[in-house]
């Protein structure tokens, strides 16, 4: 029986570079996820770092409380002007 993964492809977008540290077990899980994706799609396994953005995006998109709270914001964060004190 084939697994039904939540991710089926990795979009090709211009990224914003971030540096994060992951616990070793999370990194191993990402490697395993990439391997399962490779088996499911027949394409080469993506780099673990390429899995993180779509996973975060899907997580936030399916978080009902976040969606409700975000709607209560006056402006979405991506549209806010930079804080003049920090600019």
N, C-alpha and C. Protein backbone atom coordinates (compact mmCIF):
# COMPACT_ATOMS: atom_id res chain seq x y z
N UNK A 1 0.84 -1.17 0.00
CA UNK A 1 0.00 0.00 0.00
C UNK A 1 0.89 1.24 0.00
N UNK A 2 0.66 2.13 -0.94
CA UNK A 2 1.45 3.35 -1.05
C UNK A 2 0.98 4.37 -0.03
N UNK A 3 1.93 5.10 0.54
CA UNK A 3 1.62 6.15 1.50
C UNK A 3 1.03 7.35 0.77
N UNK A 4 0.13 8.07 1.41
CA UNK A 4 -0.46 9.28 0.86
C UNK A 4 0.17 10.46 1.61
N UNK A 5 1.20 11.06 1.01
CA UNK A 5 1.91 12.15 1.65
C UNK A 5 1.16 13.46 1.51
N UNK A 6 1.34 14.35 2.47
CA UNK A 6 0.72 15.67 2.40
C UNK A 6 1.43 16.55 1.38
N UNK A 7 2.70 16.30 1.11
CA UNK A 7 3.44 17.03 0.10
C UNK A 7 3.61 16.14 -1.12
N UNK A 8 3.38 16.71 -2.29
CA UNK A 8 3.58 15.92 -3.50
C UNK A 8 4.66 16.51 -4.39
N UNK A 9 4.96 17.79 -4.19
CA UNK A 9 6.02 18.43 -4.96
C UNK A 9 6.54 19.63 -4.19
N UNK A 10 7.70 20.10 -4.60
CA UNK A 10 8.32 21.26 -3.98
C UNK A 10 8.29 22.39 -5.00
N UNK A 11 7.55 23.49 -4.69
CA UNK A 11 7.49 24.60 -5.65
C UNK A 11 8.84 25.29 -5.81
N UNK A 12 9.09 25.80 -6.99
CA UNK A 12 10.33 26.51 -7.26
C UNK A 12 10.05 28.01 -7.12
N UNK A 13 10.43 28.57 -5.99
CA UNK A 13 10.20 29.98 -5.68
C UNK A 13 11.50 30.64 -5.29
N UNK A 14 11.52 31.97 -5.36
CA UNK A 14 12.69 32.70 -4.88
C UNK A 14 12.61 32.76 -3.35
N UNK A 15 13.55 32.14 -2.67
CA UNK A 15 13.47 32.02 -1.21
C UNK A 15 14.00 33.24 -0.46
N UNK A 16 13.57 33.35 0.78
CA UNK A 16 14.15 34.26 1.76
C UNK A 16 15.03 33.38 2.62
N UNK A 17 16.29 33.72 2.74
CA UNK A 17 17.24 32.86 3.43
C UNK A 17 17.11 33.01 4.95
N UNK A 18 16.96 31.88 5.63
CA UNK A 18 16.94 31.81 7.08
C UNK A 18 17.91 30.73 7.52
N UNK A 19 18.41 30.88 8.70
CA UNK A 19 19.28 29.86 9.26
C UNK A 19 18.62 29.33 10.53
N UNK A 20 18.38 28.02 10.56
CA UNK A 20 17.75 27.40 11.73
C UNK A 20 18.55 26.17 12.14
N UNK A 21 18.42 25.84 13.41
CA UNK A 21 19.02 24.61 13.92
C UNK A 21 17.90 23.63 14.20
N UNK A 22 18.09 22.39 13.77
CA UNK A 22 17.09 21.35 13.98
C UNK A 22 17.65 20.29 14.90
N UNK A 23 16.80 19.72 15.73
CA UNK A 23 17.25 18.57 16.51
C UNK A 23 17.57 17.42 15.56
N UNK A 24 18.51 16.57 15.92
CA UNK A 24 18.89 15.46 15.03
C UNK A 24 17.72 14.57 14.62
N UNK A 25 16.77 14.33 15.53
CA UNK A 25 15.65 13.46 15.19
C UNK A 25 14.74 14.10 14.13
N UNK A 26 14.60 15.42 14.15
CA UNK A 26 13.81 16.10 13.13
C UNK A 26 14.52 16.01 11.78
N UNK A 27 15.84 16.16 11.78
CA UNK A 27 16.60 16.03 10.54
C UNK A 27 16.47 14.62 9.97
N UNK A 28 16.54 13.62 10.82
CA UNK A 28 16.37 12.23 10.36
C UNK A 28 14.97 12.03 9.78
N UNK A 29 13.97 12.63 10.42
CA UNK A 29 12.60 12.52 9.90
C UNK A 29 12.49 13.18 8.52
N UNK A 30 13.14 14.31 8.33
CA UNK A 30 13.13 14.97 7.02
C UNK A 30 13.81 14.10 5.96
N UNK A 31 14.91 13.48 6.33
CA UNK A 31 15.59 12.57 5.39
C UNK A 31 14.68 11.40 5.02
N UNK A 32 14.00 10.84 6.02
CA UNK A 32 13.07 9.74 5.75
C UNK A 32 11.90 10.20 4.88
N UNK A 33 11.38 11.40 5.14
CA UNK A 33 10.27 11.93 4.35
C UNK A 33 10.71 12.08 2.90
N UNK A 34 11.92 12.60 2.69
CA UNK A 34 12.45 12.77 1.34
C UNK A 34 12.58 11.41 0.64
N UNK A 35 13.00 10.41 1.37
CA UNK A 35 13.14 9.06 0.80
C UNK A 35 11.78 8.51 0.38
N UNK A 36 10.77 8.70 1.24
CA UNK A 36 9.42 8.24 0.90
C UNK A 36 8.89 9.01 -0.31
N UNK A 37 9.15 10.31 -0.37
CA UNK A 37 8.74 11.10 -1.53
C UNK A 37 9.38 10.56 -2.80
N UNK A 38 10.66 10.21 -2.71
CA UNK A 38 11.37 9.66 -3.86
C UNK A 38 10.70 8.37 -4.32
N UNK A 39 10.33 7.51 -3.38
CA UNK A 39 9.68 6.25 -3.72
C UNK A 39 8.29 6.50 -4.33
N UNK A 40 7.57 7.49 -3.80
CA UNK A 40 6.21 7.79 -4.28
C UNK A 40 6.20 8.43 -5.66
N UNK A 41 7.12 9.38 -5.88
CA UNK A 41 7.08 10.17 -7.11
C UNK A 41 7.98 9.64 -8.21
N UNK A 42 8.97 8.84 -7.86
CA UNK A 42 9.93 8.37 -8.84
C UNK A 42 10.98 9.41 -9.18
N UNK A 43 10.89 10.58 -8.56
CA UNK A 43 11.89 11.63 -8.75
C UNK A 43 12.95 11.50 -7.67
N UNK A 44 14.08 12.18 -7.87
CA UNK A 44 15.13 12.11 -6.86
C UNK A 44 14.66 12.78 -5.56
N UNK A 45 15.18 12.29 -4.46
CA UNK A 45 14.79 12.80 -3.14
C UNK A 45 15.20 14.26 -3.00
N UNK A 46 14.27 15.11 -2.53
CA UNK A 46 14.64 16.52 -2.33
C UNK A 46 15.56 16.68 -1.13
N UNK A 47 16.31 17.74 -1.13
CA UNK A 47 17.13 18.07 0.03
C UNK A 47 16.20 18.35 1.21
N UNK A 48 16.57 17.95 2.43
CA UNK A 48 15.71 18.21 3.58
C UNK A 48 15.30 19.68 3.73
N UNK A 49 16.20 20.60 3.44
CA UNK A 49 15.89 22.02 3.57
C UNK A 49 14.77 22.44 2.62
N UNK A 50 14.63 21.75 1.48
CA UNK A 50 13.57 22.07 0.52
C UNK A 50 12.19 21.61 1.01
N UNK A 51 12.16 20.69 1.96
CA UNK A 51 10.90 20.20 2.50
C UNK A 51 10.30 21.16 3.53
N UNK A 52 11.14 21.88 4.23
CA UNK A 52 10.69 22.69 5.36
C UNK A 52 9.69 23.78 4.95
N UNK A 53 9.97 24.60 3.92
CA UNK A 53 9.00 25.66 3.58
C UNK A 53 7.60 25.15 3.24
N UNK A 54 7.44 24.14 2.37
CA UNK A 54 6.07 23.70 2.10
C UNK A 54 5.41 23.04 3.31
N UNK A 55 6.20 22.41 4.17
CA UNK A 55 5.64 21.82 5.38
C UNK A 55 5.11 22.92 6.31
N UNK A 56 5.90 23.97 6.48
CA UNK A 56 5.46 25.09 7.31
C UNK A 56 4.23 25.77 6.71
N UNK A 57 4.26 25.95 5.41
CA UNK A 57 3.12 26.59 4.73
C UNK A 57 1.85 25.78 4.94
N UNK A 58 1.94 24.48 4.76
CA UNK A 58 0.77 23.61 4.94
C UNK A 58 0.32 23.60 6.39
N UNK A 59 1.26 23.57 7.30
CA UNK A 59 0.93 23.58 8.72
C UNK A 59 0.15 24.85 9.07
N UNK A 60 0.64 26.00 8.63
CA UNK A 60 -0.04 27.26 8.94
C UNK A 60 -1.39 27.35 8.23
N UNK A 61 -1.47 26.85 7.02
CA UNK A 61 -2.73 26.90 6.26
C UNK A 61 -3.82 26.04 6.90
N UNK A 62 -3.43 25.00 7.61
CA UNK A 62 -4.42 24.11 8.22
C UNK A 62 -4.61 24.36 9.71
N UNK A 63 -3.96 25.38 10.25
CA UNK A 63 -4.12 25.73 11.67
C UNK A 63 -5.30 26.69 11.81
N UNK A 64 -6.43 26.18 12.21
CA UNK A 64 -7.66 26.99 12.26
C UNK A 64 -7.54 28.17 13.22
N UNK A 65 -6.92 27.97 14.35
CA UNK A 65 -6.78 29.07 15.31
C UNK A 65 -5.89 30.18 14.75
N UNK A 66 -4.84 29.81 14.05
CA UNK A 66 -3.98 30.80 13.42
C UNK A 66 -4.76 31.58 12.36
N UNK A 67 -5.54 30.86 11.56
CA UNK A 67 -6.34 31.51 10.51
C UNK A 67 -7.31 32.51 11.12
N UNK A 68 -7.99 32.13 12.21
CA UNK A 68 -8.92 33.04 12.88
C UNK A 68 -8.18 34.25 13.43
N UNK A 69 -7.07 34.02 14.12
CA UNK A 69 -6.32 35.12 14.71
C UNK A 69 -5.75 36.04 13.64
N UNK A 70 -5.32 35.49 12.54
CA UNK A 70 -4.74 36.29 11.47
C UNK A 70 -5.79 37.22 10.85
N UNK A 71 -7.01 36.73 10.74
CA UNK A 71 -8.08 37.56 10.19
C UNK A 71 -8.35 38.77 11.08
N UNK A 72 -8.08 38.64 12.36
CA UNK A 72 -8.33 39.76 13.27
C UNK A 72 -7.24 40.83 13.20
N UNK A 73 -6.14 40.52 12.54
CA UNK A 73 -5.10 41.53 12.37
C UNK A 73 -5.58 42.61 11.41
N UNK A 74 -5.17 43.84 11.64
CA UNK A 74 -5.60 44.92 10.74
C UNK A 74 -4.97 44.78 9.37
N UNK A 75 -3.69 44.38 9.33
CA UNK A 75 -2.99 44.17 8.06
C UNK A 75 -2.19 42.89 8.17
N UNK A 76 -2.19 42.05 7.13
CA UNK A 76 -1.31 40.88 7.14
C UNK A 76 0.15 41.33 7.26
N UNK A 77 0.95 40.56 7.95
CA UNK A 77 2.35 40.94 8.22
C UNK A 77 3.13 41.23 6.95
N UNK A 78 2.84 40.55 5.85
CA UNK A 78 3.61 40.78 4.63
C UNK A 78 3.30 42.13 4.00
N UNK A 79 2.20 42.78 4.42
CA UNK A 79 1.84 44.07 3.86
C UNK A 79 2.18 45.23 4.78
N UNK A 80 2.64 44.95 5.97
CA UNK A 80 2.95 46.01 6.94
C UNK A 80 4.18 46.77 6.52
N UNK A 81 4.17 48.05 6.84
CA UNK A 81 5.34 48.89 6.60
C UNK A 81 6.39 48.56 7.65
N UNK A 82 7.68 48.63 7.29
CA UNK A 82 8.73 48.38 8.28
C UNK A 82 8.63 49.41 9.41
N UNK A 83 8.92 48.97 10.60
CA UNK A 83 8.91 49.83 11.77
C UNK A 83 10.04 50.84 11.62
N UNK A 84 9.71 52.13 11.63
CA UNK A 84 10.72 53.16 11.40
C UNK A 84 11.81 53.15 12.46
N UNK A 85 11.50 52.66 13.65
CA UNK A 85 12.52 52.60 14.71
C UNK A 85 13.56 51.53 14.40
N UNK A 86 13.15 50.47 13.68
CA UNK A 86 14.08 49.38 13.38
C UNK A 86 14.67 49.48 11.99
N UNK A 87 14.25 50.46 11.21
CA UNK A 87 14.73 50.56 9.82
C UNK A 87 16.08 51.22 9.75
